[in-house]
Amino acid sequence: AHIVVHRQLQDIVLVQQQQIEYFSEMIK
């Protein structure tokens, strides 16, 4: 369960980073 939660958190962070990059690009 710890491993699954940790991986999900990593996926979420990755999605957020992609979203931030996307928004940064979009804003630019």
PDB file of all heavy atoms in Angstrom:
ATOM      1  N   ALA A   1       0.847  -1.201   0.000  1.00  0.00           N
ATOM      2  CA  ALA A   1       0.000   0.000   0.000  1.00  0.00           C
ATOM      3  C   ALA A   1       0.876   1.241   0.000  1.00  0.00           C
ATOM      4  O   ALA A   1       0.603   2.219  -0.706  1.00  0.00           O
ATOM      5  CB  ALA A   1      -0.924  -0.008   1.204  1.00  0.00           C
ATOM      6  N   HIS A   2       1.938   1.223   0.776  1.00  0.00           N
ATOM      7  CA  HIS A   2       2.849   2.370   0.812  1.00  0.00           C
ATOM      8  C   HIS A   2       3.462   2.599  -0.567  1.00  0.00           C
ATOM      9  O   HIS A   2       3.583   3.749  -1.019  1.00  0.00           O
ATOM     10  CB  HIS A   2       3.970   2.137   1.836  1.00  0.00           C
ATOM     11  CG  HIS A   2       3.520   2.196   3.257  1.00  0.00           C
ATOM     12  ND1 HIS A   2       3.028   3.329   3.850  1.00  0.00           N
ATOM     13  CD2 HIS A   2       3.492   1.242   4.225  1.00  0.00           C
ATOM     14  CE1 HIS A   2       2.725   3.097   5.092  1.00  0.00           C
ATOM     15  NE2 HIS A   2       2.982   1.810   5.355  1.00  0.00           N
ATOM     16  N   ILE A   3       3.866   1.543  -1.209  1.00  0.00           N
ATOM     17  CA  ILE A   3       4.497   1.651  -2.534  1.00  0.00           C
ATOM     18  C   ILE A   3       3.503   2.218  -3.542  1.00  0.00           C
ATOM     19  O   ILE A   3       3.828   3.112  -4.330  1.00  0.00           O
ATOM     20  CB  ILE A   3       5.049   0.280  -2.987  1.00  0.00           C
ATOM     21  CG1 ILE A   3       6.229  -0.114  -2.113  1.00  0.00           C
ATOM     22  CG2 ILE A   3       5.454   0.309  -4.450  1.00  0.00           C
ATOM     23  CD1 ILE A   3       6.693  -1.550  -2.311  1.00  0.00           C
ATOM     24  N   VAL A   4       2.260   1.708  -3.509  1.00  0.00           N
ATOM     25  CA  VAL A   4       1.232   2.176  -4.455  1.00  0.00           C
ATOM     26  C   VAL A   4       0.945   3.654  -4.236  1.00  0.00           C
ATOM     27  O   VAL A   4       0.889   4.448  -5.175  1.00  0.00           O
ATOM     28  CB  VAL A   4      -0.060   1.324  -4.305  1.00  0.00           C
ATOM     29  CG1 VAL A   4      -1.201   1.961  -5.058  1.00  0.00           C
ATOM     30  CG2 VAL A   4       0.176  -0.090  -4.797  1.00  0.00           C
ATOM     31  N   VAL A   5       0.805   4.038  -2.960  1.00  0.00           N
ATOM     32  CA  VAL A   5       0.512   5.448  -2.657  1.00  0.00           C
ATOM     33  C   VAL A   5       1.669   6.320  -3.122  1.00  0.00           C
ATOM     34  O   VAL A   5       1.474   7.389  -3.713  1.00  0.00           O
ATOM     35  CB  VAL A   5       0.248   5.617  -1.131  1.00  0.00           C
ATOM     36  CG1 VAL A   5       0.244   7.079  -0.741  1.00  0.00           C
ATOM     37  CG2 VAL A   5      -1.068   4.952  -0.758  1.00  0.00           C
ATOM     38  N   HIS A   6       2.882   5.868  -2.871  1.00  0.00           N
ATOM     39  CA  HIS A   6       4.065   6.643  -3.260  1.00  0.00           C
ATOM     40  C   HIS A   6       4.114   6.815  -4.784  1.00  0.00           C
ATOM     41  O   HIS A   6       4.400   7.912  -5.288  1.00  0.00           O
ATOM     42  CB  HIS A   6       5.329   5.938  -2.747  1.00  0.00           C
ATOM     43  CG  HIS A   6       6.568   6.756  -2.928  1.00  0.00           C
ATOM     44  ND1 HIS A   6       6.784   7.929  -2.244  1.00  0.00           N
ATOM     45  CD2 HIS A   6       7.635   6.570  -3.744  1.00  0.00           C
ATOM     46  CE1 HIS A   6       7.937   8.432  -2.622  1.00  0.00           C
ATOM     47  NE2 HIS A   6       8.487   7.615  -3.529  1.00  0.00           N
ATOM     48  N   ARG A   7       3.842   5.747  -5.497  1.00  0.00           N
ATOM     49  CA  ARG A   7       3.855   5.830  -6.973  1.00  0.00           C
ATOM     50  C   ARG A   7       2.760   6.763  -7.482  1.00  0.00           C
ATOM     51  O   ARG A   7       2.966   7.546  -8.426  1.00  0.00           O
ATOM     52  CB  ARG A   7       3.683   4.438  -7.580  1.00  0.00           C
ATOM     53  CG  ARG A   7       4.943   3.611  -7.480  1.00  0.00           C
ATOM     54  CD  ARG A   7       4.792   2.283  -8.137  1.00  0.00           C
ATOM     55  NE  ARG A   7       5.993   1.466  -7.959  1.00  0.00           N
ATOM     56  CZ  ARG A   7       6.025   0.169  -8.063  1.00  0.00           C
ATOM     57  NH1 ARG A   7       4.929  -0.500  -8.377  1.00  0.00           N
ATOM     58  NH2 ARG A   7       7.147  -0.496  -7.883  1.00  0.00           N
ATOM     59  N   GLN A   8       1.588   6.686  -6.844  1.00  0.00           N
ATOM     60  CA  GLN A   8       0.487   7.569  -7.254  1.00  0.00           C
ATOM     61  C   GLN A   8       0.859   9.030  -7.008  1.00  0.00           C
ATOM     62  O   GLN A   8       0.558   9.905  -7.819  1.00  0.00           O
ATOM     63  CB  GLN A   8      -0.789   7.202  -6.509  1.00  0.00           C
ATOM     64  CG  GLN A   8      -1.402   5.901  -6.980  1.00  0.00           C
ATOM     65  CD  GLN A   8      -2.632   5.497  -6.166  1.00  0.00           C
ATOM     66  OE1 GLN A   8      -2.888   6.048  -5.121  1.00  0.00           O
ATOM     67  NE2 GLN A   8      -3.377   4.525  -6.689  1.00  0.00           N
ATOM     68  N   LEU A   9       1.518   9.248  -5.872  1.00  0.00           N
ATOM     69  CA  LEU A   9       1.938  10.613  -5.565  1.00  0.00           C
ATOM     70  C   LEU A   9       2.957  11.100  -6.599  1.00  0.00           C
ATOM     71  O   LEU A   9       2.902  12.262  -7.046  1.00  0.00           O
ATOM     72  CB  LEU A   9       2.549  10.678  -4.156  1.00  0.00           C
ATOM     73  CG  LEU A   9       1.569  10.483  -3.004  1.00  0.00           C
ATOM     74  CD1 LEU A   9       2.321  10.445  -1.678  1.00  0.00           C
ATOM     75  CD2 LEU A   9       0.516  11.574  -2.991  1.00  0.00           C
ATOM     76  N   GLN A  10       3.865  10.224  -7.006  1.00  0.00           N
ATOM     77  CA  GLN A  10       4.843  10.595  -8.036  1.00  0.00           C
ATOM     78  C   GLN A  10       4.138  10.914  -9.357  1.00  0.00           C
ATOM     79  O   GLN A  10       4.512  11.879 -10.048  1.00  0.00           O
ATOM     80  CB  GLN A  10       5.858   9.460  -8.242  1.00  0.00           C
ATOM     81  CG  GLN A  10       6.863   9.328  -7.119  1.00  0.00           C
ATOM     82  CD  GLN A  10       7.809   8.157  -7.327  1.00  0.00           C
ATOM     83  OE1 GLN A  10       7.467   7.201  -8.028  1.00  0.00           O
ATOM     84  NE2 GLN A  10       8.973   8.227  -6.710  1.00  0.00           N
ATOM     85  N   ASP A  11       3.141  10.091  -9.679  1.00  0.00           N
ATOM     86  CA  ASP A  11       2.373  10.340 -10.919  1.00  0.00           C
ATOM     87  C   ASP A  11       1.671  11.683 -10.845  1.00  0.00           C
ATOM     88  O   ASP A  11       1.642  12.451 -11.832  1.00  0.00           O
ATOM     89  CB  ASP A  11       1.353   9.223 -11.155  1.00  0.00           C
ATOM     90  CG  ASP A  11       2.017   7.904 -11.527  1.00  0.00           C
ATOM     91  OD1 ASP A  11       3.205   7.893 -11.916  1.00  0.00           O
ATOM     92  OD2 ASP A  11       1.310   6.868 -11.450  1.00  0.00           O
ATOM     93  N   ILE A  12       1.119  11.985  -9.687  1.00  0.00           N
ATOM     94  CA  ILE A  12       0.394  13.258  -9.526  1.00  0.00           C
ATOM     95  C   ILE A  12       1.368  14.425  -9.673  1.00  0.00           C
ATOM     96  O   ILE A  12       1.076  15.413 -10.354  1.00  0.00           O
ATOM     97  CB  ILE A  12      -0.327  13.299  -8.162  1.00  0.00           C
ATOM     98  CG1 ILE A  12      -1.477  12.300  -8.182  1.00  0.00           C
ATOM     99  CG2 ILE A  12      -0.823  14.687  -7.833  1.00  0.00           C
ATOM    100  CD1 ILE A  12      -2.115  12.080  -6.826  1.00  0.00           C
ATOM    101  N   VAL A  13       2.526  14.303  -9.037  1.00  0.00           N
ATOM    102  CA  VAL A  13       3.532  15.368  -9.125  1.00  0.00           C
ATOM    103  C   VAL A  13       3.973  15.539 -10.584  1.00  0.00           C
ATOM    104  O   VAL A  13       4.127  16.661 -11.070  1.00  0.00           O
ATOM    105  CB  VAL A  13       4.727  15.053  -8.190  1.00  0.00           C
ATOM    106  CG1 VAL A  13       5.891  15.995  -8.470  1.00  0.00           C
ATOM    107  CG2 VAL A  13       4.300  15.138  -6.737  1.00  0.00           C
ATOM    108  N   LEU A  14       4.157  14.430 -11.280  1.00  0.00           N
ATOM    109  CA  LEU A  14       4.557  14.495 -12.685  1.00  0.00           C
ATOM    110  C   LEU A  14       3.482  15.206 -13.518  1.00  0.00           C
ATOM    111  O   LEU A  14       3.790  16.075 -14.345  1.00  0.00           O
ATOM    112  CB  LEU A  14       4.820  13.082 -13.232  1.00  0.00           C
ATOM    113  CG  LEU A  14       5.294  13.004 -14.673  1.00  0.00           C
ATOM    114  CD1 LEU A  14       6.658  13.691 -14.825  1.00  0.00           C
ATOM    115  CD2 LEU A  14       5.378  11.561 -15.125  1.00  0.00           C
ATOM    116  N   VAL A  15       2.226  14.829 -13.248  1.00  0.00           N
ATOM    117  CA  VAL A  15       1.117  15.479 -13.975  1.00  0.00           C
ATOM    118  C   VAL A  15       1.101  16.966 -13.663  1.00  0.00           C
ATOM    119  O   VAL A  15       0.918  17.808 -14.555  1.00  0.00           O
ATOM    120  CB  VAL A  15      -0.233  14.814 -13.611  1.00  0.00           C
ATOM    121  CG1 VAL A  15      -1.397  15.652 -14.109  1.00  0.00           C
ATOM    122  CG2 VAL A  15      -0.295  13.415 -14.206  1.00  0.00           C
ATOM    123  N   GLN A  16       1.334  17.312 -12.399  1.00  0.00           N
ATOM    124  CA  GLN A  16       1.338  18.727 -12.028  1.00  0.00           C
ATOM    125  C   GLN A  16       2.469  19.482 -12.727  1.00  0.00           C
ATOM    126  O   GLN A  16       2.278  20.604 -13.212  1.00  0.00           O
ATOM    127  CB  GLN A  16       1.491  18.866 -10.510  1.00  0.00           C
ATOM    128  CG  GLN A  16       0.241  18.522  -9.750  1.00  0.00           C
ATOM    129  CD  GLN A  16       0.457  18.655  -8.251  1.00  0.00           C
ATOM    130  OE1 GLN A  16       1.586  18.687  -7.798  1.00  0.00           O
ATOM    131  NE2 GLN A  16      -0.640  18.741  -7.524  1.00  0.00           N
ATOM    132  N   GLN A  17       3.631  18.839 -12.761  1.00  0.00           N
ATOM    133  CA  GLN A  17       4.760  19.492 -13.438  1.00  0.00           C
ATOM    134  C   GLN A  17       4.457  19.690 -14.917  1.00  0.00           C
ATOM    135  O   GLN A  17       4.774  20.744 -15.510  1.00  0.00           O
ATOM    136  CB  GLN A  17       6.034  18.656 -13.260  1.00  0.00           C
ATOM    137  CG  GLN A  17       6.602  18.731 -11.865  1.00  0.00           C
ATOM    138  CD  GLN A  17       7.804  17.810 -11.682  1.00  0.00           C
ATOM    139  OE1 GLN A  17       8.023  16.906 -12.487  1.00  0.00           O
ATOM    140  NE2 GLN A  17       8.555  18.050 -10.622  1.00  0.00           N
ATOM    141  N   GLN A  18       3.833  18.671 -15.502  1.00  0.00           N
ATOM    142  CA  GLN A  18       3.461  18.800 -16.926  1.00  0.00           C
ATOM    143  C   GLN A  18       2.435  19.920 -17.101  1.00  0.00           C
ATOM    144  O   GLN A  18       2.513  20.706 -18.060  1.00  0.00           O
ATOM    145  CB  GLN A  18       2.910  17.480 -17.444  1.00  0.00           C
ATOM    146  CG  GLN A  18       3.958  16.403 -17.588  1.00  0.00           C
ATOM    147  CD  GLN A  18       3.356  15.032 -17.928  1.00  0.00           C
ATOM    148  OE1 GLN A  18       2.140  14.865 -17.876  1.00  0.00           O
ATOM    149  NE2 GLN A  18       4.225  14.086 -18.259  1.00  0.00           N
ATOM    150  N   GLN A  19       1.497  19.975 -16.138  1.00  0.00           N
ATOM    151  CA  GLN A  19       0.473  21.028 -16.211  1.00  0.00           C
ATOM    152  C   GLN A  19       1.115  22.408 -16.045  1.00  0.00           C
ATOM    153  O   GLN A  19       0.773  23.365 -16.771  1.00  0.00           O
ATOM    154  CB  GLN A  19      -0.580  20.824 -15.121  1.00  0.00           C
ATOM    155  CG  GLN A  19      -1.534  19.689 -15.389  1.00  0.00           C
ATOM    156  CD  GLN A  19      -2.446  19.981 -16.567  1.00  0.00           C
ATOM    157  OE1 GLN A  19      -2.903  21.108 -16.777  1.00  0.00           O
ATOM    158  NE2 GLN A  19      -2.683  18.968 -17.389  1.00  0.00           N
ATOM    159  N   ILE A  20       2.061  22.476 -15.115  1.00  0.00           N
ATOM    160  CA  ILE A  20       2.722  23.766 -14.897  1.00  0.00           C
ATOM    161  C   ILE A  20       3.500  24.171 -16.139  1.00  0.00           C
ATOM    162  O   ILE A  20       3.468  25.336 -16.583  1.00  0.00           O
ATOM    163  CB  ILE A  20       3.641  23.672 -13.661  1.00  0.00           C
ATOM    164  CG1 ILE A  20       2.792  23.588 -12.400  1.00  0.00           C
ATOM    165  CG2 ILE A  20       4.589  24.873 -13.583  1.00  0.00           C
ATOM    166  CD1 ILE A  20       3.574  23.263 -11.141  1.00  0.00           C
ATOM    167  N   GLU A  21       4.216  23.194 -16.731  1.00  0.00           N
ATOM    168  CA  GLU A  21       4.950  23.498 -17.966  1.00  0.00           C
ATOM    169  C   GLU A  21       3.986  23.909 -19.087  1.00  0.00           C
ATOM    170  O   GLU A  21       4.249  24.852 -19.850  1.00  0.00           O
ATOM    171  CB  GLU A  21       5.770  22.282 -18.397  1.00  0.00           C
ATOM    172  CG  GLU A  21       6.975  22.021 -17.527  1.00  0.00           C
ATOM    173  CD  GLU A  21       7.698  20.723 -17.901  1.00  0.00           C
ATOM    174  OE1 GLU A  21       7.373  20.130 -18.948  1.00  0.00           O
ATOM    175  OE2 GLU A  21       8.561  20.323 -17.122  1.00  0.00           O
ATOM    176  N   TYR A  22       2.891  23.175 -19.124  1.00  0.00           N
ATOM    177  CA  TYR A  22       1.884  23.500 -20.140  1.00  0.00           C
ATOM    178  C   TYR A  22       1.353  24.911 -19.935  1.00  0.00           C
ATOM    179  O   TYR A  22       1.256  25.707 -20.873  1.00  0.00           O
ATOM    180  CB  TYR A  22       0.746  22.475 -20.067  1.00  0.00           C
ATOM    181  CG  TYR A  22      -0.473  22.872 -20.866  1.00  0.00           C
ATOM    182  CD1 TYR A  22      -0.475  22.796 -22.257  1.00  0.00           C
ATOM    183  CD2 TYR A  22      -1.611  23.339 -20.226  1.00  0.00           C
ATOM    184  CE1 TYR A  22      -1.578  23.170 -22.998  1.00  0.00           C
ATOM    185  CE2 TYR A  22      -2.716  23.729 -20.963  1.00  0.00           C
ATOM    186  CZ  TYR A  22      -2.706  23.636 -22.352  1.00  0.00           C
ATOM    187  OH  TYR A  22      -3.809  24.006 -23.052  1.00  0.00           O
ATOM    188  N   PHE A  23       1.026  25.235 -18.688  1.00  0.00           N
ATOM    189  CA  PHE A  23       0.485  26.565 -18.418  1.00  0.00           C
ATOM    190  C   PHE A  23       1.539  27.652 -18.642  1.00  0.00           C
ATOM    191  O   PHE A  23       1.238  28.753 -19.136  1.00  0.00           O
ATOM    192  CB  PHE A  23      -0.055  26.652 -16.988  1.00  0.00           C
ATOM    193  CG  PHE A  23      -1.335  25.895 -16.791  1.00  0.00           C
ATOM    194  CD1 PHE A  23      -1.452  24.977 -15.776  1.00  0.00           C
ATOM    195  CD2 PHE A  23      -2.417  26.089 -17.626  1.00  0.00           C
ATOM    196  CE1 PHE A  23      -2.622  24.268 -15.605  1.00  0.00           C
ATOM    197  CE2 PHE A  23      -3.589  25.391 -17.465  1.00  0.00           C
ATOM    198  CZ  PHE A  23      -3.686  24.459 -16.441  1.00  0.00           C
ATOM    199  N   SER A  24       2.760  27.311 -18.261  1.00  0.00           N
ATOM    200  CA  SER A  24       3.844  28.286 -18.499  1.00  0.00           C
ATOM    201  C   SER A  24       3.999  28.566 -19.992  1.00  0.00           C
ATOM    202  O   SER A  24       4.152  29.722 -20.408  1.00  0.00           O
ATOM    203  CB  SER A  24       5.161  27.746 -17.948  1.00  0.00           C
ATOM    204  OG  SER A  24       5.094  27.642 -16.562  1.00  0.00           O
ATOM    205  N   GLU A  25       3.968  27.509 -20.752  1.00  0.00           N
ATOM    206  CA  GLU A  25       4.083  27.655 -22.202  1.00  0.00           C
ATOM    207  C   GLU A  25       2.891  28.427 -22.760  1.00  0.00           C
ATOM    208  O   GLU A  25       3.049  29.302 -23.626  1.00  0.00           O
ATOM    209  CB  GLU A  25       4.184  26.253 -22.841  1.00  0.00           C
ATOM    210  CG  GLU A  25       4.600  26.260 -24.271  1.00  0.00           C
ATOM    211  CD  GLU A  25       6.019  26.780 -24.475  1.00  0.00           C
ATOM    212  OE1 GLU A  25       6.892  26.572 -23.608  1.00  0.00           O
ATOM    213  OE2 GLU A  25       6.248  27.422 -25.477  1.00  0.00           O
ATOM    214  N   MET A  26       1.731  28.063 -22.223  1.00  0.00           N
ATOM    215  CA  MET A  26       0.513  28.724 -22.696  1.00  0.00           C
ATOM    216  C   MET A  26       0.535  30.209 -22.336  1.00  0.00           C
ATOM    217  O   MET A  26       0.193  31.074 -23.167  1.00  0.00           O
ATOM    218  CB  MET A  26      -0.706  28.057 -22.075  1.00  0.00           C
ATOM    219  CG  MET A  26      -2.000  28.438 -22.722  1.00  0.00           C
ATOM    220  SD  MET A  26      -3.313  27.373 -22.155  1.00  0.00           S
ATOM    221  CE  MET A  26      -3.918  28.348 -20.841  1.00  0.00           C
ATOM    222  N   ILE A  27       0.973  30.499 -21.134  1.00  0.00           N
ATOM    223  CA  ILE A  27       1.020  31.895 -20.703  1.00  0.00           C
ATOM    224  C   ILE A  27       2.047  32.658 -21.538  1.00  0.00           C
ATOM    225  O   ILE A  27       1.822  33.803 -21.950  1.00  0.00           O
ATOM    226  CB  ILE A  27       1.341  31.975 -19.193  1.00  0.00           C
ATOM    227  CG1 ILE A  27       0.160  31.470 -18.398  1.00  0.00           C
ATOM    228  CG2 ILE A  27       1.711  33.383 -18.770  1.00  0.00           C
ATOM    229  CD1 ILE A  27       0.425  31.284 -16.930  1.00  0.00           C
ATOM    230  N   LYS A  28       3.158  32.013 -21.776  1.00  0.00           N
ATOM    231  CA  LYS A  28       4.202  32.645 -22.583  1.00  0.00           C
ATOM    232  C   LYS A  28       3.679  32.986 -23.983  1.00  0.00           C
ATOM    233  O   LYS A  28       3.935  34.066 -24.507  1.00  0.00           O
ATOM    234  CB  LYS A  28       5.396  31.690 -22.670  1.00  0.00           C
ATOM    235  CG  LYS A  28       6.638  32.307 -23.233  1.00  0.00           C
ATOM    236  CD  LYS A  28       7.739  31.264 -23.168  1.00  0.00           C
ATOM    237  CE  LYS A  28       9.021  31.828 -23.692  1.00  0.00           C
ATOM    238  NZ  LYS A  28      10.089  30.841 -23.722  1.00  0.00           N
TER     239      LYS A  28
END
